[in-house]
Amino acid sequence: MKLLTVAIPCYNSESYMEHCINTLLTGGEEVEIIIVDDGSAKDRTGEIADRYAREYPTICRAIHQENGGHGECHGHILQGGGQ
């Protein structure tokens, strides 16, 4: 069981999301990082999320959804959509 789960809502966030994720990765296997691509279309946000999920499969998960805003990202996770 993970000690801490962090959901990161991302919308066209390629310019700063890697810094955020890399900072959280210092927690190692005790951390679960759920990267929610909230319908990004203008940049590589979804591609970056998928790359982290591939490179850190025991820590990172990528979820892709239609744009619904910050609240819907967290609601999606709380309703079990991240599993």
Protein backbone atom coordinates (compact mmCIF):
# COMPACT_ATOMS: atom_id res chain seq x y z
CA MET A 1 0.00 0.00 0.00
CA LYS A 2 1.25 3.47 -0.88
CA LEU A 3 1.83 6.03 1.85
CA LEU A 4 0.73 8.97 -0.29
CA THR A 5 -1.35 9.32 -3.47
CA VAL A 6 -1.13 12.56 -5.42
CA ALA A 7 -3.45 13.41 -8.31
CA ILE A 8 -2.06 16.00 -10.71
CA PRO A 9 -4.63 17.62 -13.02
CA CYS A 10 -2.87 18.69 -16.21
CA TYR A 11 -4.27 20.84 -19.00
CA ASN A 12 -1.75 21.94 -21.63
CA SER A 13 0.92 21.70 -18.93
CA GLU A 14 3.97 20.44 -20.80
CA SER A 15 6.08 23.44 -19.78
CA TYR A 16 6.01 22.65 -16.06
CA MET A 17 4.47 19.22 -15.38
CA GLU A 18 7.78 17.33 -15.61
CA HIS A 19 9.25 19.45 -12.81
CA CYS A 20 6.22 18.67 -10.64
CA ILE A 21 6.33 14.93 -11.35
CA ASN A 22 10.11 14.68 -10.90
CA THR A 23 9.81 16.39 -7.52
CA LEU A 24 7.20 13.85 -6.40
CA LEU A 25 9.25 10.92 -7.71
CA THR A 26 11.77 11.54 -4.92
CA GLY A 27 9.24 9.79 -2.63
CA GLY A 28 10.05 6.52 -4.37
CA GLU A 29 7.80 3.48 -4.10
CA GLU A 30 5.86 4.95 -1.18
CA VAL A 31 4.22 7.48 -3.51
CA GLU A 32 1.52 6.99 -6.14
CA ILE A 33 1.28 9.70 -8.79
CA ILE A 34 -1.88 9.89 -10.86
CA ILE A 35 -1.45 12.21 -13.82
CA VAL A 36 -4.80 13.31 -15.24
CA ASP A 37 -4.61 14.71 -18.75
CA ASP A 38 -7.72 16.90 -18.77
CA GLY A 39 -8.28 17.05 -22.51
CA SER A 40 -5.03 18.75 -23.48
CA ALA A 41 -4.83 19.35 -27.21
CA LYS A 42 -2.34 22.16 -27.77
CA ASP A 43 0.80 20.49 -26.44
CA ARG A 44 2.41 17.17 -25.43
CA THR A 45 0.79 16.84 -21.98
CA GLY A 46 -0.81 13.46 -22.76
CA GLU A 47 2.36 12.10 -24.32
CA ILE A 48 4.43 13.15 -21.29
CA ALA A 49 1.90 11.55 -18.91
CA ASP A 50 2.07 8.29 -20.86
CA ARG A 51 5.87 8.34 -20.84
CA TYR A 52 6.00 8.65 -17.04
CA ALA A 53 3.46 5.83 -16.71
CA ARG A 54 5.70 3.61 -18.90
CA GLU A 55 8.95 4.59 -17.18
CA TYR A 56 7.60 4.33 -13.60
CA PRO A 57 4.80 1.75 -13.81
CA THR A 58 4.72 1.08 -10.07
CA ILE A 59 4.51 4.78 -9.21
CA CYS A 60 2.81 6.71 -12.04
CA ARG A 61 -0.51 6.24 -13.79
CA ALA A 62 -1.85 8.31 -16.67
CA ILE A 63 -5.54 9.00 -17.13
CA HIS A 64 -6.93 10.78 -20.18
CA GLN A 65 -10.33 12.44 -20.10
CA GLU A 66 -12.26 15.14 -21.91
CA ASN A 67 -11.72 18.62 -20.52
CA GLY A 68 -13.77 19.06 -17.39
CA GLY A 69 -11.63 21.29 -15.22
CA HIS A 70 -9.72 20.81 -11.98
CA GLY A 71 -12.71 19.61 -9.97
CA GLU A 72 -13.70 16.95 -12.45
CA CYS A 73 -10.15 15.59 -12.46
CA HIS A 74 -10.28 14.95 -8.73
CA GLY A 75 -13.88 13.73 -8.93
CA HIS A 76 -12.84 11.18 -11.55
CA ILE A 77 -10.19 9.82 -9.16
CA LEU A 78 -12.50 9.75 -6.14
CA GLN A 79 -15.15 7.84 -8.10
CA GLY A 80 -12.61 5.11 -8.84
CA GLY A 81 -11.87 6.15 -12.41
CA GLY A 82 -8.15 6.02 -11.72
CA GLN A 83 -8.10 2.30 -11.09
